[in-house]
Amino acid sequence: MKIRSMLLATVGFAAMLSGSALAQEGATVAFLMPDQASTRYEEHDYPGFKAEMAKLCPSCTVIYQNANADVALQQQQFNSVIAQGAKVVVLDPVDSAAAAALVEIAQSQDVKVIAYDRPIPDKAADYYVSFDNEGIGHAIAKSLVDHMKASGVPEGSGVLQINGSPTDAAAGLIRDGIHRGLKDSGYKTLAEFDTPEWAPPKAQEWAAGQITRFGAEIKGVVAANDGTGGGAIAAFKAAGVNPVPPVTGNDATIAALQLIISGDQYNTISKPSEIVAAAAANVAVTLLKGETPEAKTTLYNTPSELFVPAVVTAENIKAEIFDKGIQKPEDVCTGEYAEGCKKLGITN
């Protein structure tokens, strides 16, 4: 009787393993990104995710969709990939609040959701993978404050704060980090703006209005990403301000790296999206196997892994970006930026 029970247990365990293997074999995984205002999703996030999935689960199918900042479109895409049999959806939401309903829909159908880059505060996803967004906001603000103090900008001087999209919970975390970085800095925030859809033209339009309003009182700009920072820089240039006051950024886009090389942007954040994308792929495959991915921390009641990025300025751009192979000199040091690259030792 005991032997028969052992045999039944063994058969049951083998069947469970077989079922787990089948769950992974040929499974469909969706990778849904929020917008095209940033080039990172097509250039880094999706290629990084697809490459890691190819290593971990060669037979898996990866569906990629980008919602182009349209909440309704993302909902359609979400419903569509579930209808196509996706067992795991990696979701970077256009609207973090609206995404709570998507998580609920998925989980009611035994579909796992990995919140990616932007958290979903109102409904716990199965996992959250991102860079430390509040840490990013604090780092870019503190870097700017330190630079202004080192440059002799007197206390009481004013800065502008340009946040990301008001519908993006990650933007809210970056905003909170900026507030923490500016607090007790001795500098005052002249005005603050939440940029709809992270759109650079909207950041530029707002910054232009503040330049008219405050003029030379503006001694620095804390912008939440490279697109909004680039918009602010364009506004200063259009207004004939020279030199442009130091402006922050985040994402280390090629355009931002070029602005740092030319001296128009002060800093950015190097966060190779492939790192987070690869982590999301690993979590996806773990979930497909029916296993529980390890939580490195918890955010909004969701097991999470948050990566710590690096602040990049002209002083360390060579070491952080080019020596590490994140970008190649031939892709960045083009045209008018060639001379600046020589001065910074990026090229000979």
Protein backbone atom coordinates (compact mmCIF):
# COMPACT_ATOMS: atom_id res chain seq x y z
CA MET A 1 0.00 0.00 0.00
CA LYS A 2 2.84 2.30 0.90
CA ILE A 3 4.65 1.45 -2.36
CA ARG A 4 1.45 2.12 -4.35
CA SER A 5 1.07 5.52 -2.66
CA MET A 6 4.67 6.38 -3.45
CA LEU A 7 4.15 5.39 -7.08
CA LEU A 8 1.02 7.53 -7.32
CA ALA A 9 2.85 10.47 -5.75
CA THR A 10 5.72 10.03 -8.22
CA VAL A 11 3.33 9.88 -11.18
CA GLY A 12 1.52 12.97 -9.88
CA PHE A 13 4.78 14.88 -9.49
CA ALA A 14 5.88 13.87 -13.00
CA ALA A 15 2.55 15.02 -14.40
CA MET A 16 2.92 18.35 -12.57
CA LEU A 17 6.40 18.80 -14.04
CA SER A 18 5.09 17.88 -17.48
CA GLY A 19 2.24 20.40 -17.14
CA SER A 20 4.69 23.06 -16.02
CA ALA A 21 6.94 22.38 -18.99
CA LEU A 22 3.96 22.50 -21.35
CA ALA A 23 2.87 25.82 -19.83
CA GLN A 24 6.20 27.27 -20.87
CA GLU A 25 6.60 25.43 -24.17
CA GLY A 26 5.28 27.57 -27.01
CA ALA A 27 3.66 30.07 -24.65
CA THR A 28 2.68 33.56 -25.77
CA VAL A 29 3.98 36.59 -23.86
CA ALA A 30 2.93 40.18 -24.60
CA PHE A 31 5.11 43.26 -24.22
CA LEU A 32 2.90 46.37 -24.17
CA MET A 33 4.61 49.76 -24.09
CA PRO A 34 2.99 53.18 -23.52
CA ASP A 35 4.15 55.75 -26.04
CA GLN A 36 6.43 56.76 -28.88
CA ALA A 37 7.45 60.15 -27.44
CA SER A 38 10.58 58.39 -26.19
CA THR A 39 12.58 56.32 -28.68
CA ARG A 40 13.74 53.93 -25.94
CA TYR A 41 10.91 51.40 -26.34
CA GLU A 42 11.69 50.51 -29.96
CA GLU A 43 15.45 50.97 -29.66
CA HIS A 44 16.17 49.34 -26.30
CA ASP A 45 13.29 47.91 -24.24
CA TYR A 46 11.64 45.66 -26.81
CA PRO A 47 14.88 44.42 -28.42
CA GLY A 48 16.27 43.65 -24.93
CA PHE A 49 13.13 41.78 -23.90
CA LYS A 50 12.91 39.83 -27.14
CA ALA A 51 16.57 38.82 -27.01
CA GLU A 52 16.32 37.55 -23.42
CA MET A 53 13.09 35.67 -24.16
CA ALA A 54 14.81 34.02 -27.13
CA LYS A 55 17.49 32.72 -24.77
CA LEU A 56 15.15 31.59 -22.01
CA CYS A 57 12.24 30.26 -24.06
CA PRO A 58 13.08 29.88 -27.77
CA SER A 59 9.66 28.37 -28.51
CA CYS A 60 7.75 31.24 -26.88
CA THR A 61 5.96 33.83 -29.00
CA VAL A 62 6.45 37.51 -28.09
CA ILE A 63 3.81 40.03 -29.14
CA TYR A 64 4.90 43.68 -29.09
CA GLN A 65 2.47 46.62 -29.14
CA ASN A 66 2.90 50.35 -28.46
CA ALA A 67 -0.15 52.40 -27.44
CA ASN A 68 1.21 55.77 -28.61
CA ALA A 69 -0.05 57.47 -25.41
CA ASP A 70 -3.64 56.38 -26.08
CA VAL A 71 -5.36 54.80 -23.04
CA ALA A 72 -8.21 53.32 -25.08
CA LEU A 73 -5.78 51.88 -27.63
CA GLN A 74 -3.75 50.23 -24.89
CA GLN A 75 -6.89 48.66 -23.46
CA GLN A 76 -7.73 47.28 -26.92
CA GLN A 77 -4.20 45.93 -27.28
CA PHE A 78 -4.39 44.35 -23.82
CA ASN A 79 -7.69 42.60 -24.60
CA SER A 80 -6.33 41.53 -27.98
CA VAL A 81 -3.19 39.82 -26.66
CA ILE A 82 -5.23 37.95 -24.05
CA ALA A 83 -7.57 36.80 -26.84
CA GLN A 84 -4.45 35.63 -28.71
CA GLY A 85 -3.56 33.44 -25.75
CA ALA A 86 -0.97 35.49 -23.89
CA LYS A 87 -0.25 33.90 -20.51
CA VAL A 88 1.94 36.75 -19.27
CA VAL A 89 1.54 40.44 -20.13
CA VAL A 90 4.39 42.86 -19.48
CA LEU A 91 2.59 46.20 -19.17
CA ASP A 92 4.05 49.69 -19.13
CA PRO A 93 0.78 51.62 -18.66
CA VAL A 94 -0.22 54.82 -20.41
CA ASP A 95 -2.40 55.58 -17.40
CA SER A 96 -1.36 53.92 -14.15
CA ALA A 97 -4.82 54.33 -12.58
CA ALA A 98 -6.68 52.93 -15.60
CA ALA A 99 -4.29 49.97 -15.68
CA ALA A 100 -5.74 48.64 -12.41
CA ALA A 101 -8.81 47.41 -14.32
CA LEU A 102 -6.56 45.66 -16.84
CA VAL A 103 -4.75 43.80 -14.08
CA GLU A 104 -8.10 42.69 -12.65
CA ILE A 105 -9.28 41.44 -16.05
CA ALA A 106 -6.07 39.50 -16.60
CA GLN A 107 -5.96 37.90 -13.18
CA SER A 108 -9.61 36.80 -13.48
CA GLN A 109 -8.49 34.78 -16.52
CA ASP A 110 -5.35 33.40 -14.86
CA VAL A 111 -3.11 35.69 -16.94
CA LYS A 112 -0.08 37.09 -15.11
CA VAL A 113 0.77 40.79 -15.31
CA ILE A 114 4.25 42.25 -14.86
CA ALA A 115 4.13 46.01 -14.29
CA TYR A 116 7.07 47.46 -16.20
CA ASP A 117 8.80 50.80 -15.60
CA ARG A 118 5.58 52.46 -14.37
CA PRO A 119 3.90 50.96 -11.29
CA ILE A 120 0.19 50.25 -10.92
CA PRO A 121 -0.62 51.54 -7.41
CA ASP A 122 -4.35 50.69 -7.25
CA LYS A 123 -4.15 46.97 -8.04
CA ALA A 124 -1.20 44.73 -7.24
CA ALA A 125 0.30 43.17 -10.36
CA ASP A 126 2.07 39.83 -10.09
CA TYR A 127 5.45 41.57 -10.20
CA TYR A 128 6.97 45.02 -10.84
CA VAL A 129 10.30 45.62 -12.58
CA SER A 130 11.83 49.07 -12.97
CA PHE A 131 14.63 51.40 -12.16
CA ASP A 132 14.22 53.21 -8.83
CA ASN A 133 12.15 56.15 -10.07
CA GLU A 134 12.09 58.12 -6.84
CA GLY A 135 15.83 57.59 -6.60
CA ILE A 136 16.19 58.95 -10.13
CA GLY A 137 14.33 62.16 -9.25
CA HIS A 138 16.40 62.65 -6.12
CA ALA A 139 19.66 61.97 -7.97
CA ILE A 140 19.11 64.42 -10.83
CA ALA A 141 17.93 67.16 -8.45
CA LYS A 142 20.81 66.67 -6.02
CA SER A 143 23.30 66.61 -8.89
CA LEU A 144 21.92 69.93 -10.15
CA VAL A 145 21.94 71.50 -6.67
CA ASP A 146 25.55 70.43 -6.08
CA HIS A 147 26.54 71.84 -9.46
CA MET A 148 24.79 75.17 -8.83
CA LYS A 149 26.48 75.52 -5.44
CA ALA A 150 29.87 74.62 -6.92
CA SER A 151 29.27 77.22 -9.64
CA GLY A 152 28.59 79.92 -7.05
CA VAL A 153 24.86 80.31 -7.66
CA PRO A 154 23.68 82.11 -4.50
CA GLU A 155 21.06 80.68 -2.16
CA GLY A 156 17.58 82.00 -2.80
CA SER A 157 18.02 81.65 -6.56
CA GLY A 158 15.19 80.07 -8.52
CA VAL A 159 14.72 76.83 -10.42
CA LEU A 160 11.96 75.43 -12.60
CA GLN A 161 10.63 71.90 -12.13
CA ILE A 162 9.26 70.00 -15.14
CA ASN A 163 7.64 66.71 -14.23
CA GLY A 164 6.38 63.88 -16.43
CA SER A 165 2.86 62.85 -17.28
CA PRO A 166 0.23 63.29 -14.57
CA THR A 167 -1.24 59.87 -15.50
CA ASP A 168 2.08 58.07 -14.99
CA ALA A 169 2.73 56.78 -11.46
CA ALA A 170 6.45 56.54 -12.23
CA ALA A 171 6.43 60.26 -13.05
CA GLY A 172 4.89 60.85 -9.64
CA LEU A 173 7.73 58.95 -8.00
CA ILE A 174 10.31 60.95 -9.97
CA ARG A 175 8.51 64.15 -8.93
CA ASP A 176 8.64 63.10 -5.27
CA GLY A 177 12.35 62.39 -5.58
CA ILE A 178 12.93 65.82 -7.12
CA HIS A 179 11.05 67.46 -4.27
CA ARG A 180 13.28 65.60 -1.81
CA GLY A 181 16.41 66.63 -3.71
CA LEU A 182 15.41 70.30 -3.76
CA LYS A 183 14.21 70.41 -0.17
CA ASP A 184 16.60 72.32 2.11
CA SER A 185 18.80 73.07 -0.94
CA GLY A 186 18.60 76.82 -0.37
CA TYR A 187 17.08 77.26 -3.83
CA LYS A 188 13.42 78.08 -4.45
CA THR A 189 11.11 76.47 -7.00
CA LEU A 190 9.72 79.28 -9.13
CA ALA A 191 7.12 77.10 -10.87
CA GLU A 192 6.30 73.45 -11.46
CA PHE A 193 4.58 71.68 -14.36
CA ASP A 194 3.21 68.19 -15.05
CA THR A 195 3.84 67.50 -18.74
CA PRO A 196 0.88 65.78 -20.44
CA GLU A 197 2.00 62.55 -22.14
CA TRP A 198 5.65 63.49 -21.44
CA ALA A 199 5.41 65.47 -24.70
CA PRO A 200 8.54 67.63 -25.33
CA PRO A 201 6.59 70.31 -27.27
CA LYS A 202 4.31 70.81 -24.25
CA ALA A 203 7.32 71.11 -21.94
CA GLN A 204 8.87 73.61 -24.37
CA GLU A 205 5.69 75.70 -24.52
CA TRP A 206 5.44 75.83 -20.72
CA ALA A 207 9.13 76.66 -20.29
CA ALA A 208 8.83 79.47 -22.83
CA GLY A 209 6.07 81.02 -20.73
CA GLN A 210 8.19 80.81 -17.58
CA ILE A 211 11.16 82.40 -19.34
CA THR A 212 8.90 85.34 -20.23
CA ARG A 213 7.64 85.41 -16.64
CA PHE A 214 10.87 84.99 -14.67
CA GLY A 215 13.69 85.74 -17.12
CA ALA A 216 17.13 85.80 -15.51
CA GLU A 217 15.72 84.59 -12.19
CA ILE A 218 15.84 81.04 -13.59
CA LYS A 219 19.20 79.57 -12.59
CA GLY A 220 18.44 75.90 -13.23
CA VAL A 221 15.79 73.46 -14.47
CA VAL A 222 15.03 70.04 -13.01
CA ALA A 223 13.38 68.16 -15.87
CA ALA A 224 12.15 64.61 -15.29
CA ASN A 225 13.47 63.12 -18.53
CA ASP A 226 15.50 63.97 -21.60
CA GLY A 227 12.47 64.85 -23.71
CA THR A 228 11.14 67.45 -21.27
CA GLY A 229 14.67 68.69 -20.63
CA GLY A 230 15.26 69.03 -24.37
CA GLY A 231 12.02 70.99 -24.65
CA ALA A 232 13.21 73.40 -21.95
CA ILE A 233 16.58 73.83 -23.66
CA ALA A 234 14.84 74.58 -26.97
CA ALA A 235 12.74 77.24 -25.21
CA PHE A 236 15.82 78.95 -23.78
CA LYS A 237 17.54 78.92 -27.16
CA ALA A 238 14.45 80.30 -28.90
CA ALA A 239 14.39 83.11 -26.33
CA GLY A 240 18.04 83.91 -27.05
CA VAL A 241 19.25 82.91 -23.56
CA ASN A 242 22.99 82.24 -23.66
CA PRO A 243 24.32 80.35 -21.86
CA VAL A 244 21.38 78.08 -21.12
CA PRO A 245 21.08 77.48 -17.37
CA PRO A 246 21.85 73.90 -16.29
CA VAL A 247 19.06 71.48 -17.19
CA THR A 248 18.64 67.90 -15.99
CA GLY A 249 17.33 64.86 -17.84
CA ASN A 250 16.83 61.11 -17.59
CA ASP A 251 17.12 58.19 -20.07
CA ALA A 252 20.50 58.97 -21.70
CA THR A 253 19.01 59.31 -25.17
CA ILE A 254 21.42 60.07 -27.99
CA ALA A 255 19.97 63.58 -28.31
CA ALA A 256 20.55 64.23 -24.60
CA LEU A 257 24.09 62.87 -24.71
CA GLN A 258 24.80 65.25 -27.58
CA LEU A 259 23.36 68.16 -25.58
CA ILE A 260 25.63 67.24 -22.66
CA ILE A 261 28.61 67.09 -25.00
CA SER A 262 27.73 70.54 -26.40
CA GLY A 263 27.25 71.92 -22.89
CA ASP A 264 23.53 72.65 -23.25
CA GLN A 265 22.29 69.94 -20.85
CA TYR A 266 23.88 69.32 -17.45
CA ASN A 267 22.98 65.73 -16.62
CA THR A 268 20.97 62.66 -17.53
CA ILE A 269 20.45 59.20 -16.08
CA SER A 270 22.05 56.14 -17.63
CA LYS A 271 19.60 53.32 -17.23
CA PRO A 272 20.15 50.81 -20.01
CA SER A 273 16.59 49.65 -20.60
CA GLU A 274 17.87 46.25 -21.67
CA ILE A 275 18.67 45.52 -18.00
CA VAL A 276 15.06 45.95 -16.91
CA ALA A 277 13.76 44.25 -20.06
CA ALA A 278 15.93 41.20 -19.41
CA ALA A 279 14.74 41.09 -15.80
CA ALA A 280 11.12 41.22 -17.00
CA ALA A 281 11.79 38.32 -19.37
CA ASN A 282 13.23 36.26 -16.51
CA VAL A 283 10.19 37.00 -14.34
CA ALA A 284 7.86 36.13 -17.25
CA VAL A 285 9.48 32.71 -17.75
CA THR A 286 9.44 32.04 -14.01
CA LEU A 287 5.70 32.76 -13.97
CA LEU A 288 5.15 30.55 -17.03
CA LYS A 289 6.77 27.69 -15.12
CA GLY A 290 4.24 28.18 -12.34
CA GLU A 291 6.94 29.37 -9.98
CA THR A 292 7.05 32.47 -7.76
CA PRO A 293 9.73 35.03 -8.74
CA GLU A 294 11.87 36.32 -5.90
CA ALA A 295 10.87 39.73 -4.57
CA LYS A 296 13.90 41.98 -4.01
CA THR A 297 11.61 44.61 -2.47
CA THR A 298 7.92 45.56 -2.40
CA LEU A 299 6.22 48.63 -3.87
CA TYR A 300 2.46 49.25 -3.79
CA ASN A 301 1.98 45.75 -2.30
CA THR A 302 3.65 44.28 -5.39
CA PRO A 303 6.78 42.09 -5.29
CA SER A 304 9.39 44.15 -7.10
CA GLU A 305 12.92 44.52 -8.35
CA LEU A 306 14.24 48.08 -8.66
CA PHE A 307 17.59 48.80 -10.30
CA VAL A 308 19.83 51.71 -9.28
CA PRO A 309 20.95 53.88 -12.23
CA ALA A 310 23.92 56.23 -12.68
CA VAL A 311 23.92 60.03 -13.06
CA VAL A 312 25.83 61.13 -16.17
CA THR A 313 27.46 64.54 -16.68
CA ALA A 314 30.20 65.76 -18.99
CA GLU A 315 32.70 64.66 -16.33
CA ASN A 316 31.84 60.96 -16.51
CA ILE A 317 30.06 60.57 -19.85
CA LYS A 318 33.05 58.78 -21.40
CA ALA A 319 33.32 56.25 -18.55
CA GLU A 320 29.58 55.64 -18.06
CA ILE A 321 28.36 55.67 -21.66
CA PHE A 322 31.18 54.94 -24.07
CA ASP A 323 33.66 52.85 -22.08
CA LYS A 324 30.75 50.61 -20.99
CA GLY A 325 29.59 50.21 -24.58
CA ILE A 326 26.13 51.69 -23.99
CA GLN A 327 26.62 53.95 -27.01
CA LYS A 328 29.26 54.06 -29.73
CA PRO A 329 31.17 57.29 -30.46
CA GLU A 330 30.34 57.03 -34.16
CA ASP A 331 26.61 57.19 -33.35
CA VAL A 332 26.85 60.20 -31.01
CA CYS A 333 29.91 62.22 -32.01
CA THR A 334 28.55 63.32 -35.35
CA GLY A 335 28.61 66.70 -37.10
CA GLU A 336 28.66 69.62 -34.69
CA TYR A 337 29.32 67.31 -31.71
CA ALA A 338 32.60 65.92 -33.04
CA GLU A 339 34.72 68.68 -31.53
CA GLY A 340 33.04 68.38 -28.13
CA CYS A 341 33.73 64.64 -28.12
CA LYS A 342 37.42 65.32 -28.68
CA LYS A 343 37.51 67.80 -25.80
CA LEU A 344 35.93 65.23 -23.47
CA GLY A 345 38.31 62.49 -24.58
CA ILE A 346 35.56 60.39 -26.13
CA THR A 347 37.33 60.43 -29.48
CA ASN A 348 40.89 61.21 -30.51
